[in-house]
Amino acid sequence: MDTRWIYEVGDIVKLKKPHPCGSSEWEILRVGADFRLKCMGCGRQVMAERRMVEKNARNLKKKAQEG
């Protein structure tokens, strides 16, 4: 079964391999052909190809709805 998530700015994605700081969770700052991700552990920002993020994503937490 192919699970396709809708990625939006502000969502938290858990990736397969942890960042060297130990955190596996990343906040999505930009969505497009490339994603800008911010590590939830150390705050480092990286750009990653959409394909890599979709392939290695293990969980997606949607941002809290305002209102």
C-alpha atoms as a PDB file:
ATOM      1  CA  MET A   1       0.000   0.000   0.000  1.00  0.00           C
ATOM      2  CA  ASP A   2       1.445   3.365  -1.076  1.00  0.00           C
ATOM      3  CA  THR A   3       0.834   6.010   1.577  1.00  0.00           C
ATOM      4  CA  ARG A   4       1.047   9.527   0.135  1.00  0.00           C
ATOM      5  CA  TRP A   5       0.984  12.383   2.592  1.00  0.00           C
ATOM      6  CA  ILE A   6       0.228  16.011   1.874  1.00  0.00           C
ATOM      7  CA  TYR A   7       3.214  18.006   3.112  1.00  0.00           C
ATOM      8  CA  GLU A   8       2.607  21.571   4.306  1.00  0.00           C
ATOM      9  CA  VAL A   9       4.764  24.256   5.905  1.00  0.00           C
ATOM     10  CA  GLY A  10       4.779  23.811   9.680  1.00  0.00           C
ATOM     11  CA  ASP A  11       4.289  20.028   9.641  1.00  0.00           C
ATOM     12  CA  ILE A  12       6.752  17.778  11.503  1.00  0.00           C
ATOM     13  CA  VAL A  13       8.125  14.830   9.539  1.00  0.00           C
ATOM     14  CA  LYS A  14       9.986  11.919  11.130  1.00  0.00           C
ATOM     15  CA  LEU A  15      12.706  10.522   8.880  1.00  0.00           C
ATOM     16  CA  LYS A  16      14.216   7.047   8.803  1.00  0.00           C
ATOM     17  CA  LYS A  17      17.749   8.023   9.893  1.00  0.00           C
ATOM     18  CA  PRO A  18      18.465  10.442  12.740  1.00  0.00           C
ATOM     19  CA  HIS A  19      20.454  13.663  12.340  1.00  0.00           C
ATOM     20  CA  PRO A  20      23.927  13.526  13.972  1.00  0.00           C
ATOM     21  CA  CYS A  21      22.471  15.462  16.946  1.00  0.00           C
ATOM     22  CA  GLY A  22      20.173  12.465  17.607  1.00  0.00           C
ATOM     23  CA  SER A  23      16.807  13.875  16.499  1.00  0.00           C
ATOM     24  CA  SER A  24      14.776  12.192  13.726  1.00  0.00           C
ATOM     25  CA  GLU A  25      12.101  14.908  13.559  1.00  0.00           C
ATOM     26  CA  TRP A  26      12.226  17.830  11.143  1.00  0.00           C
ATOM     27  CA  GLU A  27       9.941  20.850  10.729  1.00  0.00           C
ATOM     28  CA  ILE A  28       9.024  21.673   7.127  1.00  0.00           C
ATOM     29  CA  LEU A  29       9.853  25.298   6.337  1.00  0.00           C
ATOM     30  CA  ARG A  30       9.433  25.211   2.538  1.00  0.00           C
ATOM     31  CA  VAL A  31       7.625  22.830   0.187  1.00  0.00           C
ATOM     32  CA  GLY A  32       8.281  22.398  -3.524  1.00  0.00           C
ATOM     33  CA  ALA A  33      10.605  20.307  -5.688  1.00  0.00           C
ATOM     34  CA  ASP A  34      12.979  20.690  -2.741  1.00  0.00           C
ATOM     35  CA  PHE A  35      12.068  20.915   0.930  1.00  0.00           C
ATOM     36  CA  ARG A  36      13.727  23.177   3.490  1.00  0.00           C
ATOM     37  CA  LEU A  37      13.804  21.276   6.766  1.00  0.00           C
ATOM     38  CA  LYS A  38      14.755  22.416  10.281  1.00  0.00           C
ATOM     39  CA  CYS A  39      16.043  19.830  12.747  1.00  0.00           C
ATOM     40  CA  MET A  40      13.861  19.787  15.869  1.00  0.00           C
ATOM     41  CA  GLY A  41      16.900  18.848  17.983  1.00  0.00           C
ATOM     42  CA  CYS A  42      19.600  21.383  17.092  1.00  0.00           C
ATOM     43  CA  GLY A  43      17.808  23.837  14.774  1.00  0.00           C
ATOM     44  CA  ARG A  44      20.054  23.230  11.753  1.00  0.00           C
ATOM     45  CA  GLN A  45      18.371  23.901   8.404  1.00  0.00           C
ATOM     46  CA  VAL A  46      18.950  21.802   5.295  1.00  0.00           C
ATOM     47  CA  MET A  47      17.552  21.562   1.788  1.00  0.00           C
ATOM     48  CA  ALA A  48      16.477  18.092   0.649  1.00  0.00           C
ATOM     49  CA  GLU A  49      14.944  16.737  -2.549  1.00  0.00           C
ATOM     50  CA  ARG A  50      11.239  15.935  -2.347  1.00  0.00           C
ATOM     51  CA  ARG A  51      11.932  12.356  -3.477  1.00  0.00           C
ATOM     52  CA  MET A  52      14.379  11.779  -0.615  1.00  0.00           C
ATOM     53  CA  VAL A  53      11.946  13.118   1.983  1.00  0.00           C
ATOM     54  CA  GLU A  54       9.015  11.083   0.620  1.00  0.00           C
ATOM     55  CA  LYS A  55      11.126   7.906   0.471  1.00  0.00           C
ATOM     56  CA  ASN A  56      12.547   8.235   4.014  1.00  0.00           C
ATOM     57  CA  ALA A  57       9.502   9.643   5.841  1.00  0.00           C
ATOM     58  CA  ARG A  58       8.179   7.354   8.582  1.00  0.00           C
ATOM     59  CA  ASN A  59       5.581   9.616  10.216  1.00  0.00           C
ATOM     60  CA  LEU A  60       3.941  12.991   9.643  1.00  0.00           C
ATOM     61  CA  LYS A  61       2.474  15.218  12.352  1.00  0.00           C
ATOM     62  CA  LYS A  62       0.248  17.941  10.982  1.00  0.00           C
ATOM     63  CA  LYS A  63       0.650  21.440  12.361  1.00  0.00           C
ATOM     64  CA  ALA A  64      -1.925  22.553  14.931  1.00  0.00           C
ATOM     65  CA  GLN A  65      -4.918  24.192  13.260  1.00  0.00           C
ATOM     66  CA  GLU A  66      -5.365  27.802  14.346  1.00  0.00           C
ATOM     67  CA  GLY A  67      -8.762  29.231  15.148  1.00  0.00           C
END
